[in-house]
């Protein structure tokens, strides 16, 4: 069944995001499951009334922010941003299309999908009481590009604004975005935490704010912050938006690994755990949740893992080497042996459940085969083991990252065709390294900026991309992406995405490995875990609350 556009049956002048879902099935229909998690284990309770005496809720994660300034981040820092900043549009729980947040309405204002306008809610303010008006929105978007153009950040979110020409204001409450070319995904872009609205009085126009403070207009204000340790959030008394805030305060604690995080949950030092859960911890809780007094929420995931080949490395630059590498890799073994089937093998950059998903790597390579890989290398005159260094991050994607790379090394070396060296760094230095082009091959995880196949391809191609590894592909960037972005009905983009993925398979510059599931563990005193993820798998802390017994 083909998904319909949120604007199906309306004229283009009527394509208005008015706060009510315009369709129940748009483009990536299955990604609604990201915010519709299943309660695997729990007990019968009802939620509390959110009284002032209620304790703060403490959430554990292994994904610490790399920066507090949204103009400098295109990574897991968005988990914090969604809760303290605000965007014109956002994805409420269960939604598969953007709906107004700081805006009260948004629409494409022309027939060509090249002018998009938003009108703000009345009386908007930042957490410090300063007025939030159309000028602040323009300032926030413009500074993303200014900071990138000044070379202040490398790999920031400016790449998301590739279709934007300029931002204009009409009075104090209306913002107009004029695009260089038709882009039906632009409302999705505006919903990402990268497009957070910041206070012009506190954020320099051409450099990153680095004083450890946040001035936003989201559901919470930042009360205190210790880098890589914790962020204390309190309800923002000036907040106006789509969130129904069910608690008064949340503390986010940042852990180095799953074991320490789950240990803190068992000891009741924290109430909820999210990103970075190890598969063994998930399996253990599934087996003995009644004994432990814990809940486990499970849902389909849009997060993916893949390898990146650096074209500047003399060996990774060789197409036969990349093809032989792809021919040897056994994704099923990684999913089963390392992740205990809490992830699924992925043969496409676009994951299963998203319109445009394909299985081209499996179709082209079939089952893992050292013999086929040897023929690929021999045909290219490569008759000795290929030396490659693989890099991975130690503190970003969970405790299984190191075992996964050890399994990749084992598979490659057992083929007799590769000699693998493994290296690793924590995220801060790891990110700096790949931005400088230091790594021959490196691992990256991806949680979608917005639920559309475009966002699993476009961020990784072109001269300026999220990987800071230039990938020139005119077929994708100049033909296929512009073609699909003209289609408001995202169900009509399948052919373009299939062609783009075929080009990716032919190049093997990016090698998809697996797609994950989403898990939230919580103490039995906590309600709202099943509602707490948006379609980009970012936790909406305001959905959490304490329970009282029946």
Protein backbone atom coordinates (compact mmCIF):
# COMPACT_ATOMS: atom_id res chain seq x y z
CA UNK A 1 0.00 0.00 0.00
CA UNK A 2 1.52 3.31 -1.06
CA UNK A 3 1.79 5.99 1.64
CA UNK A 4 0.06 9.25 0.90
CA UNK A 5 1.35 12.73 1.41
CA UNK A 6 0.09 14.76 4.37
CA UNK A 7 -1.23 17.18 1.77
CA UNK A 8 -2.98 14.58 -0.41
CA UNK A 9 -6.30 15.94 -1.62
CA UNK A 10 -5.44 19.56 -0.83
CA UNK A 11 -4.33 22.31 -3.14
CA UNK A 12 -0.77 23.48 -2.57
CA UNK A 13 -2.04 26.74 -1.13
CA UNK A 14 -3.83 24.68 1.55
CA UNK A 15 -0.77 22.73 2.70
CA UNK A 16 -0.90 24.11 6.22
CA UNK A 17 0.57 22.51 9.33
CA UNK A 18 -2.17 23.61 11.69
CA UNK A 19 -1.55 21.53 14.79
CA UNK A 20 -3.79 18.65 13.71
CA UNK A 21 -2.21 15.66 11.92
CA UNK A 22 -2.97 15.97 8.22
CA UNK A 23 -2.54 12.25 7.56
CA UNK A 24 -1.94 9.03 9.41
CA UNK A 25 0.32 7.50 6.78
CA UNK A 26 2.99 9.67 5.19
CA UNK A 27 6.17 8.47 3.55
CA UNK A 28 8.00 6.38 6.17
CA UNK A 29 4.85 4.95 7.70
CA UNK A 30 6.58 2.42 9.89
CA UNK A 31 8.64 5.03 11.72
CA UNK A 32 5.56 5.84 13.78
CA UNK A 33 6.60 2.77 15.73
CA UNK A 34 9.55 4.69 17.10
CA UNK A 35 7.22 6.57 19.38
CA UNK A 36 4.83 3.66 19.96
CA UNK A 37 6.93 1.37 22.09
CA UNK A 38 5.60 -1.84 23.56
CA UNK A 39 5.65 -2.47 27.27
CA UNK A 40 7.48 -5.77 27.64
CA UNK A 41 7.40 -5.86 31.40
CA UNK A 42 5.83 -3.88 34.22
CA UNK A 43 3.18 -3.69 36.90
CA UNK A 44 -0.27 -2.20 37.35
CA UNK A 45 -0.02 1.44 38.39
CA UNK A 46 -1.46 4.81 37.59
CA UNK A 47 0.36 8.09 37.16
CA UNK A 48 0.68 10.74 39.84
CA UNK A 49 -0.77 14.22 39.60
CA UNK A 50 2.59 15.96 39.21
CA UNK A 51 2.45 17.70 42.60
CA UNK A 52 5.18 20.09 43.74
CA UNK A 53 6.45 17.53 46.26
CA UNK A 54 7.24 15.05 43.51
CA UNK A 55 10.89 14.02 43.21
CA UNK A 56 12.93 14.96 40.20
CA UNK A 57 13.16 12.22 37.58
CA UNK A 58 16.69 11.12 36.72
CA UNK A 59 17.44 9.71 33.27
CA UNK A 60 20.65 7.90 32.34
CA UNK A 61 22.22 7.85 28.88
CA UNK A 62 25.65 7.22 27.38
CA UNK A 63 25.19 10.02 24.83
CA UNK A 64 26.68 13.19 26.30
CA UNK A 65 26.43 16.44 24.31
CA UNK A 66 29.48 17.50 22.32
CA UNK A 67 28.39 21.15 22.61
CA UNK A 68 25.47 23.13 24.04
CA UNK A 69 25.15 25.32 20.94
CA UNK A 70 22.83 23.90 18.25
CA UNK A 71 24.70 25.76 15.50
CA UNK A 72 27.70 23.49 16.07
CA UNK A 73 26.18 20.04 16.42
CA UNK A 74 24.89 17.36 14.07
CA UNK A 75 25.00 14.47 16.53
CA UNK A 76 23.48 13.00 19.69
CA UNK A 77 23.59 16.39 21.40
CA UNK A 78 20.11 16.82 19.95
CA UNK A 79 18.75 14.65 22.76
CA UNK A 80 19.36 17.53 25.16
CA UNK A 81 18.39 20.22 22.65
CA UNK A 82 14.90 18.81 22.08
CA UNK A 83 14.15 19.38 25.75
CA UNK A 84 15.62 22.86 26.28
CA UNK A 85 15.31 24.52 22.89
CA UNK A 86 12.33 24.88 20.58
CA UNK A 87 11.82 24.66 16.84
CA UNK A 88 9.09 26.08 14.63
CA UNK A 89 7.84 22.56 13.94
CA UNK A 90 8.40 19.30 15.80
CA UNK A 91 7.26 15.69 15.96
CA UNK A 92 4.91 15.02 18.89
CA UNK A 93 4.81 11.46 20.18
CA UNK A 94 3.38 9.08 17.58
CA UNK A 95 3.51 11.64 14.75
CA UNK A 96 5.03 10.87 11.35
CA UNK A 97 4.83 14.44 10.07
CA UNK A 98 5.94 17.76 11.57
CA UNK A 99 3.40 19.80 13.52
CA UNK A 100 3.58 23.37 14.86
CA UNK A 101 5.55 24.00 18.03
CA UNK A 102 6.93 27.53 18.38
CA UNK A 103 4.81 28.33 15.33
CA UNK A 104 1.06 28.28 15.39
CA UNK A 105 0.93 27.55 11.66
CA UNK A 106 3.28 26.90 8.74
CA UNK A 107 2.66 26.39 5.04
CA UNK A 108 4.16 26.32 1.57
CA UNK A 109 3.06 29.64 0.20
CA UNK A 110 3.58 28.97 -3.50
CA UNK A 111 2.90 26.30 -6.10
CA UNK A 112 6.57 25.46 -6.59
CA UNK A 113 7.37 24.49 -2.97
CA UNK A 114 10.03 27.20 -2.87
CA UNK A 115 8.50 29.57 -0.32
CA UNK A 116 7.67 28.31 3.17
CA UNK A 117 6.25 30.61 5.82
CA UNK A 118 5.53 30.26 9.54
CA UNK A 119 3.56 32.42 11.94
CA UNK A 120 4.65 32.32 15.58
CA UNK A 121 2.46 31.77 18.60
CA UNK A 122 1.48 34.95 20.41
CA UNK A 123 3.64 36.23 23.25
CA UNK A 124 6.55 33.82 22.85
CA UNK A 125 9.46 34.22 25.28
CA UNK A 126 12.82 32.65 25.99
CA UNK A 127 13.51 31.03 29.34
CA UNK A 128 15.07 34.29 30.63
CA UNK A 129 11.96 36.29 29.72
CA UNK A 130 13.33 37.91 26.55
CA UNK A 131 10.86 38.14 23.67
CA UNK A 132 11.04 35.46 20.97
CA UNK A 133 9.98 37.01 17.68
CA UNK A 134 10.47 36.48 13.95
CA UNK A 135 13.79 38.32 14.08
CA UNK A 136 15.11 35.79 16.61
CA UNK A 137 14.13 32.92 14.32
CA UNK A 138 15.89 34.53 11.34
CA UNK A 139 18.95 35.21 13.51
CA UNK A 140 19.07 31.59 14.68
CA UNK A 141 18.96 30.13 11.18
CA UNK A 142 21.32 32.68 9.66
CA UNK A 143 23.99 32.13 12.33
CA UNK A 144 24.17 28.40 11.52
CA UNK A 145 25.43 29.28 8.07
CA UNK A 146 27.58 32.20 9.23
CA UNK A 147 29.40 30.01 11.74
CA UNK A 148 29.94 27.30 9.13
CA UNK A 149 31.10 29.79 6.48
CA UNK A 150 33.56 31.32 8.96
CA UNK A 151 35.09 27.90 9.52
CA UNK A 152 34.12 27.95 13.19
CA UNK A 153 32.79 24.39 13.04
CA UNK A 154 33.43 21.43 10.79
CA UNK A 155 30.57 19.01 10.26
CA UNK A 156 27.89 21.21 11.85
CA UNK A 157 24.25 21.24 10.72
CA UNK A 158 24.65 23.81 7.92
CA UNK A 159 24.45 20.92 5.45
CA UNK A 160 20.76 20.56 6.30
CA UNK A 161 20.15 24.02 4.85
CA UNK A 162 21.44 23.28 1.37
CA UNK A 163 18.15 24.23 -0.28
CA UNK A 164 17.71 27.49 1.66
CA UNK A 165 18.36 30.77 -0.16
CA UNK A 166 17.42 33.35 2.46
CA UNK A 167 15.24 34.03 5.49
CA UNK A 168 12.94 37.04 5.69
CA UNK A 169 10.61 38.44 8.32
CA UNK A 170 7.19 40.02 7.94
CA UNK A 171 6.38 41.95 11.06
CA UNK A 172 7.18 40.52 14.47
CA UNK A 173 5.47 37.15 14.06
CA UNK A 174 6.01 35.82 10.51
CA UNK A 175 9.11 34.17 9.06
CA UNK A 176 9.49 33.43 5.35
CA UNK A 177 12.01 30.91 4.01
CA UNK A 178 12.88 31.31 0.34
CA UNK A 179 14.46 28.21 -1.17
CA UNK A 180 16.91 27.86 -4.04
CA UNK A 181 15.04 24.86 -5.39
CA UNK A 182 11.90 22.88 -4.60
CA UNK A 183 12.28 20.92 -1.37
CA UNK A 184 9.30 19.09 0.07
CA UNK A 185 11.48 17.97 3.00
CA UNK A 186 12.13 21.52 4.23
CA UNK A 187 9.38 21.39 6.90
CA UNK A 188 11.10 18.24 8.20
CA UNK A 189 14.43 20.10 8.33
CA UNK A 190 12.86 22.89 10.39
CA UNK A 191 11.68 20.28 12.88
CA UNK A 192 15.21 19.10 13.70
CA UNK A 193 16.89 20.31 16.92
CA UNK A 194 19.63 21.82 14.72
CA UNK A 195 17.12 24.53 13.83
CA UNK A 196 16.57 25.45 17.49
CA UNK A 197 15.68 29.08 18.14
CA UNK A 198 18.24 30.90 20.31
CA UNK A 199 18.24 34.28 22.04
CA UNK A 200 20.21 36.81 19.92
CA UNK A 201 21.32 38.58 23.09
CA UNK A 202 23.17 35.49 24.31
CA UNK A 203 24.45 33.74 21.17
CA UNK A 204 27.15 35.42 19.04
CA UNK A 205 26.22 35.77 15.37
CA UNK A 206 29.46 34.33 13.99
CA UNK A 207 30.87 32.01 16.64
CA UNK A 208 29.80 29.24 18.99
CA UNK A 209 28.56 30.06 22.47
CA UNK A 210 30.91 28.32 24.89
CA UNK A 211 30.04 29.53 28.40
CA UNK A 212 28.21 26.33 29.42
CA UNK A 213 24.81 28.05 29.45
CA UNK A 214 21.62 27.68 27.41
CA UNK A 215 18.92 30.24 26.67
CA UNK A 216 16.11 28.53 24.81
CA UNK A 217 12.33 28.40 24.80
CA UNK A 218 11.78 24.65 25.16
CA UNK A 219 9.83 22.78 27.84
CA UNK A 220 12.77 23.02 30.26
CA UNK A 221 15.42 25.52 31.24
CA UNK A 222 18.97 24.41 31.98
CA UNK A 223 19.56 24.91 35.71
CA UNK A 224 23.05 23.38 35.92
CA UNK A 225 25.46 21.53 33.67
CA UNK A 226 28.60 19.48 34.26
CA UNK A 227 30.22 18.32 31.03
CA UNK A 228 30.01 14.54 30.54
CA UNK A 229 28.43 14.25 34.00
CA UNK A 230 24.93 15.70 34.26
CA UNK A 231 22.42 18.28 33.09
CA UNK A 232 19.78 19.54 35.52
CA UNK A 233 16.57 20.70 33.85
CA UNK A 234 13.65 22.55 35.40
CA UNK A 235 10.28 23.35 33.88
CA UNK A 236 10.41 26.53 31.81
CA UNK A 237 7.77 28.87 33.21
CA UNK A 238 7.68 30.84 29.93
CA UNK A 239 7.15 27.79 27.71
CA UNK A 240 4.46 27.83 25.03
CA UNK A 241 4.34 24.91 22.64
CA UNK A 242 3.04 21.47 21.83
CA UNK A 243 4.50 19.59 24.83
CA UNK A 244 2.29 18.61 27.76
CA UNK A 245 4.88 18.66 30.54
CA UNK A 246 4.15 15.93 33.08
CA UNK A 247 6.95 16.62 35.57
CA UNK A 248 8.65 19.62 37.17
CA UNK A 249 12.30 18.69 36.76
CA UNK A 250 14.56 16.13 35.12
CA UNK A 251 18.23 15.40 35.69
CA UNK A 252 20.12 13.71 32.87
CA UNK A 253 23.18 11.73 33.94
CA UNK A 254 25.83 10.75 31.43
CA UNK A 255 27.48 7.34 31.78
CA UNK A 256 30.52 5.84 30.08
CA UNK A 257 28.91 2.44 29.53
CA UNK A 258 25.76 0.38 29.85
CA UNK A 259 26.94 -1.62 32.85
CA UNK A 260 27.38 1.41 35.10
CA UNK A 261 24.14 2.94 33.82
CA UNK A 262 22.01 -0.17 34.41
CA UNK A 263 23.75 -0.69 37.75
CA UNK A 264 22.63 2.79 38.77
CA UNK A 265 19.07 1.93 37.71
CA UNK A 266 19.07 -1.26 39.78
CA UNK A 267 20.34 0.69 42.80
CA UNK A 268 17.62 3.31 42.21
CA UNK A 269 20.19 6.06 41.71
CA UNK A 270 18.41 6.81 38.44
CA UNK A 271 14.84 6.19 37.26
CA UNK A 272 15.19 5.62 33.51
CA UNK A 273 17.89 4.50 31.08
CA UNK A 274 17.93 5.12 27.36
CA UNK A 275 20.65 5.36 24.74
CA UNK A 276 23.65 3.04 25.04
CA UNK A 277 21.98 -0.03 26.54
CA UNK A 278 24.04 -3.17 25.97
CA UNK A 279 22.29 -6.15 24.45
CA UNK A 280 23.21 -8.36 27.41
CA UNK A 281 21.59 -5.89 29.80
CA UNK A 282 18.44 -5.92 27.65
CA UNK A 283 18.38 -9.72 27.58
CA UNK A 284 18.94 -9.91 31.36
CA UNK A 285 16.05 -7.54 32.11
CA UNK A 286 13.79 -9.42 29.70
CA UNK A 287 14.52 -12.60 31.66
CA UNK A 288 14.12 -11.32 35.21
CA UNK A 289 12.17 -8.09 35.19
CA UNK A 290 9.81 -9.21 37.98
CA UNK A 291 12.71 -9.89 40.29
CA UNK A 292 14.39 -6.61 39.47
CA UNK A 293 11.26 -4.46 39.62
CA UNK A 294 12.01 -2.91 36.25
CA UNK A 295 10.06 -2.13 33.09
CA UNK A 296 11.40 -2.63 29.59
CA UNK A 297 9.88 -0.79 26.64
CA UNK A 298 10.78 -2.06 23.17
CA UNK A 299 10.11 -0.46 19.80
CA UNK A 300 11.23 -0.49 16.18
CA UNK A 301 14.25 1.67 15.57
CA UNK A 302 15.33 4.03 12.83
CA UNK A 303 18.90 4.15 14.09
CA UNK A 304 21.54 2.63 11.82
CA UNK A 305 25.23 1.72 11.94
CA UNK A 306 27.61 1.85 8.99
CA UNK A 307 31.27 2.05 8.01
CA UNK A 308 32.84 4.98 6.16
CA UNK A 309 35.77 4.57 3.74
CA UNK A 310 38.11 7.55 3.42
CA UNK A 311 39.02 8.22 -0.25
CA UNK A 312 42.25 9.89 0.85
CA UNK A 313 43.63 6.64 2.26
CA UNK A 314 45.68 4.75 -0.36
CA UNK A 315 43.99 1.40 0.36
CA UNK A 316 40.45 2.52 1.29
CA UNK A 317 40.44 4.60 -1.91
CA UNK A 318 40.63 1.46 -4.06
CA UNK A 319 37.20 0.26 -5.21
CA UNK A 320 38.24 -3.44 -5.38
CA UNK A 321 39.38 -3.24 -1.74
CA UNK A 322 36.02 -1.82 -0.67
CA UNK A 323 34.12 -4.42 -2.68
CA UNK A 324 36.17 -7.27 -1.26
CA UNK A 325 35.61 -5.90 2.23
CA UNK A 326 31.85 -5.82 1.60
CA UNK A 327 31.93 -9.35 0.20
CA UNK A 328 33.49 -10.77 3.37
CA UNK A 329 31.37 -9.05 6.03
CA UNK A 330 28.80 -11.28 7.76
CA UNK A 331 26.18 -8.95 9.22
CA UNK A 332 24.06 -11.80 10.54
CA UNK A 333 26.92 -13.05 12.70
CA UNK A 334 27.44 -9.58 14.12
CA UNK A 335 23.74 -9.15 14.91
CA UNK A 336 23.50 -12.56 16.60
CA UNK A 337 26.88 -13.04 18.27
CA UNK A 338 27.56 -9.47 19.40
CA UNK A 339 24.13 -7.89 19.74
CA UNK A 340 22.10 -11.01 20.66
CA UNK A 341 19.54 -10.16 17.99
CA UNK A 342 18.68 -6.78 19.46
CA UNK A 343 19.67 -5.36 16.04
CA UNK A 344 18.92 -6.50 12.48
CA UNK A 345 21.33 -6.85 9.53
CA UNK A 346 21.06 -3.89 7.16
CA UNK A 347 21.76 -4.08 3.42
CA UNK A 348 20.76 -0.53 2.51
CA UNK A 349 21.50 2.93 3.87
CA UNK A 350 17.72 3.39 4.17
CA UNK A 351 16.47 1.05 6.92
CA UNK A 352 13.60 -1.37 6.78
CA UNK A 353 10.25 0.30 7.47
CA UNK A 354 11.12 3.53 5.65
CA UNK A 355 9.71 4.21 2.20
CA UNK A 356 12.60 3.70 -0.23
CA UNK A 357 14.27 0.84 1.65
CA UNK A 358 16.11 -1.64 -0.57
CA UNK A 359 18.40 -4.65 -0.15
CA UNK A 360 21.00 -3.88 -2.81
CA UNK A 361 24.05 -4.99 -0.86
CA UNK A 362 22.50 -8.41 -0.34
CA UNK A 363 21.26 -8.55 -3.92
CA UNK A 364 24.72 -7.72 -5.32
CA UNK A 365 26.94 -9.61 -2.92
CA UNK A 366 24.80 -12.45 -1.61
CA UNK A 367 26.18 -14.53 1.24
CA UNK A 368 29.61 -13.64 2.68
CA UNK A 369 32.33 -15.31 0.62
CA UNK A 370 36.11 -15.13 1.01
CA UNK A 371 36.50 -16.91 -2.35
CA UNK A 372 34.51 -14.21 -4.18
CA UNK A 373 36.40 -11.49 -2.35
CA UNK A 374 39.73 -13.06 -3.37
CA UNK A 375 38.68 -12.99 -7.02
CA UNK A 376 37.79 -9.29 -6.73
CA UNK A 377 41.23 -8.47 -5.35
CA UNK A 378 43.12 -10.77 -7.71
CA UNK A 379 41.42 -9.18 -10.74
CA UNK A 380 42.79 -5.84 -9.52
CA UNK A 381 46.30 -7.25 -9.11
CA UNK A 382 46.14 -7.27 -5.31
CA UNK A 383 47.64 -10.55 -4.14
CA UNK A 384 48.68 -9.87 -0.56
CA UNK A 385 46.68 -9.06 2.58
CA UNK A 386 45.35 -5.52 2.49
CA UNK A 387 46.40 -3.44 5.54
CA UNK A 388 43.58 -1.32 6.93
CA UNK A 389 43.11 0.55 10.19
CA UNK A 390 39.53 0.63 11.49
CA UNK A 391 38.53 3.28 14.00
CA UNK A 392 35.57 3.26 16.38
CA UNK A 393 34.25 5.45 19.18
CA UNK A 394 34.37 4.15 22.75
CA UNK A 395 31.61 6.12 24.43
CA UNK A 396 28.87 6.89 21.92
CA UNK A 397 26.97 3.92 20.55
CA UNK A 398 26.93 1.46 23.40
CA UNK A 399 29.09 -1.16 25.04
CA UNK A 400 29.02 -3.56 22.08
CA UNK A 401 30.95 -1.27 19.74
CA UNK A 402 34.34 -2.70 20.72
CA UNK A 403 33.17 -6.37 20.45
CA UNK A 404 31.57 -5.55 17.09
CA UNK A 405 34.83 -4.23 15.67
CA UNK A 406 36.71 -7.21 17.05
CA UNK A 407 34.25 -9.45 15.20
CA UNK A 408 34.74 -7.43 12.00
CA UNK A 409 38.49 -7.82 12.39
CA UNK A 410 38.08 -11.58 12.94
CA UNK A 411 35.94 -11.99 9.83
CA UNK A 412 38.29 -10.00 7.61
CA UNK A 413 41.48 -11.64 8.83
CA UNK A 414 40.06 -15.17 8.72
CA UNK A 415 39.48 -14.59 5.00
CA UNK A 416 43.25 -14.28 4.63
CA UNK A 417 42.73 -11.14 2.55
CA UNK A 418 43.11 -8.37 5.13
CA UNK A 419 45.40 -7.33 7.95
CA UNK A 420 43.35 -5.20 10.33
CA UNK A 421 44.46 -2.79 13.03
CA UNK A 422 41.80 -1.54 15.45
CA UNK A 423 42.02 1.89 17.04
CA UNK A 424 39.54 3.81 19.18
CA UNK A 425 38.94 7.13 20.89
CA UNK A 426 36.22 8.77 23.01
CA UNK A 427 33.74 10.82 21.00
CA UNK A 428 35.26 14.27 21.42
CA UNK A 429 38.64 13.28 19.99
CA UNK A 430 37.17 10.65 17.65
CA UNK A 431 35.00 13.30 16.02
CA UNK A 432 37.93 15.67 15.63
CA UNK A 433 39.93 12.89 13.98
CA UNK A 434 37.42 11.99 11.27
CA UNK A 435 36.76 15.66 10.59
CA UNK A 436 40.48 16.00 9.86
CA UNK A 437 40.40 12.95 7.58
CA UNK A 438 42.69 10.90 9.81
CA UNK A 439 40.89 7.53 9.62
CA UNK A 440 41.12 5.07 6.70
CA UNK A 441 37.87 3.37 7.76
CA UNK A 442 35.64 4.40 10.65
CA UNK A 443 32.31 3.48 12.18
CA UNK A 444 29.38 5.84 12.53
CA UNK A 445 25.91 5.53 13.93
CA UNK A 446 22.96 7.52 12.66
CA UNK A 447 19.65 8.49 14.19
CA UNK A 448 17.51 10.25 11.60
CA UNK A 449 17.11 14.00 11.70
CA UNK A 450 13.60 13.43 10.40
CA UNK A 451 11.67 10.33 9.28
CA UNK A 452 12.27 10.31 5.53
CA UNK A 453 14.61 8.30 3.29
CA UNK A 454 16.18 11.57 2.15
CA UNK A 455 17.76 11.88 5.58
CA UNK A 456 19.53 8.53 5.33
CA UNK A 457 21.29 9.54 2.10
CA UNK A 458 21.59 13.32 1.67
CA UNK A 459 23.59 13.99 4.88
CA UNK A 460 26.42 11.72 3.71
CA UNK A 461 27.00 12.91 0.15
CA UNK A 462 28.36 16.10 -1.36
CA UNK A 463 31.41 18.16 -0.49
CA UNK A 464 30.00 19.33 2.85
CA UNK A 465 28.36 16.49 4.74
CA UNK A 466 27.75 15.12 8.22
CA UNK A 467 30.78 12.82 7.97
CA UNK A 468 33.23 15.59 7.02
CA UNK A 469 34.38 13.15 4.34
CA UNK A 470 33.62 14.65 0.92
CA UNK A 471 31.66 12.29 -1.33
CA UNK A 472 31.16 13.65 -4.83
CA UNK A 473 28.28 11.96 -6.63
CA UNK A 474 26.61 14.17 -9.21
CA UNK A 475 24.05 11.49 -9.99
CA UNK A 476 22.82 11.61 -6.40
CA UNK A 477 23.28 15.28 -5.51
CA UNK A 478 22.35 16.89 -8.82
CA UNK A 479 19.79 14.46 -10.23
CA UNK A 480 18.18 12.06 -7.76
CA UNK A 481 17.92 14.18 -4.60
CA UNK A 482 16.49 17.22 -6.45
CA UNK A 483 14.00 14.90 -8.17
CA UNK A 484 12.66 13.36 -4.98
CA UNK A 485 12.54 16.71 -3.20
CA UNK A 486 10.04 18.00 -5.74
CA UNK A 487 7.59 15.33 -4.61
CA UNK A 488 5.32 16.39 -1.78
CA UNK A 489 3.74 12.91 -1.92
CA UNK A 490 6.67 10.99 -0.46
CA UNK A 491 5.23 7.71 -1.67
CA UNK A 492 6.24 8.77 -5.19
CA UNK A 493 9.93 9.03 -4.30
CA UNK A 494 10.66 5.30 -4.18
CA UNK A 495 12.26 5.06 -7.65
CA UNK A 496 14.62 7.96 -6.96
CA UNK A 497 15.73 6.47 -3.65
CA UNK A 498 16.23 3.04 -5.21
CA UNK A 499 18.46 4.59 -7.89
CA UNK A 500 20.41 6.54 -5.25
CA UNK A 501 21.01 3.43 -3.19
CA UNK A 502 22.18 1.54 -6.25
CA UNK A 503 24.77 4.27 -6.82
CA UNK A 504 25.87 3.96 -3.19
CA UNK A 505 26.29 0.20 -3.57
CA UNK A 506 28.33 0.64 -6.74
CA UNK A 507 30.72 3.03 -4.94
CA UNK A 508 30.87 1.19 -1.57
CA UNK A 509 31.98 4.41 0.08
CA UNK A 510 29.44 3.70 2.82
CA UNK A 511 28.79 0.17 4.08
CA UNK A 512 25.56 -0.31 6.07
CA UNK A 513 25.88 -2.83 8.91
CA UNK A 514 22.72 -2.99 11.01
CA UNK A 515 19.63 -1.15 12.19
CA UNK A 516 18.74 -1.06 15.84
CA UNK A 517 15.69 -1.43 17.99
CA UNK A 518 14.83 1.09 20.68
CA UNK A 519 14.79 0.12 24.34
CA UNK A 520 13.94 2.11 27.43
CA UNK A 521 14.41 0.65 30.90
CA UNK A 522 12.62 2.27 33.81
CA UNK A 523 11.86 1.62 37.44
CA UNK A 524 8.32 0.47 38.09
CA UNK A 525 7.54 3.87 39.65
CA UNK A 526 7.86 5.64 36.29
CA UNK A 527 5.09 6.12 33.71
CA UNK A 528 5.32 7.47 30.16
CA UNK A 529 8.25 5.44 28.84
CA UNK A 530 6.16 4.17 25.93
CA UNK A 531 5.46 7.76 24.83
CA UNK A 532 8.88 9.25 25.41
CA UNK A 533 10.53 8.81 21.99
CA UNK A 534 9.95 11.06 19.00
CA UNK A 535 10.30 9.68 15.43
CA UNK A 536 14.03 10.47 15.49
CA UNK A 537 14.44 8.37 18.65
CA UNK A 538 15.09 11.43 20.83
CA UNK A 539 13.71 11.20 24.34
CA UNK A 540 11.00 13.70 25.21
CA UNK A 541 11.64 14.02 28.94
CA UNK A 542 8.35 15.79 29.54
CA UNK A 543 6.40 12.56 28.97
CA UNK A 544 7.91 10.92 32.07
CA UNK A 545 6.16 11.01 35.43
CA UNK A 546 5.95 9.09 38.67
CA UNK A 547 3.20 6.61 39.42
CA UNK A 548 1.10 5.85 42.45
CA UNK A 549 -0.19 2.36 43.31
CA UNK A 550 -3.68 1.22 42.42
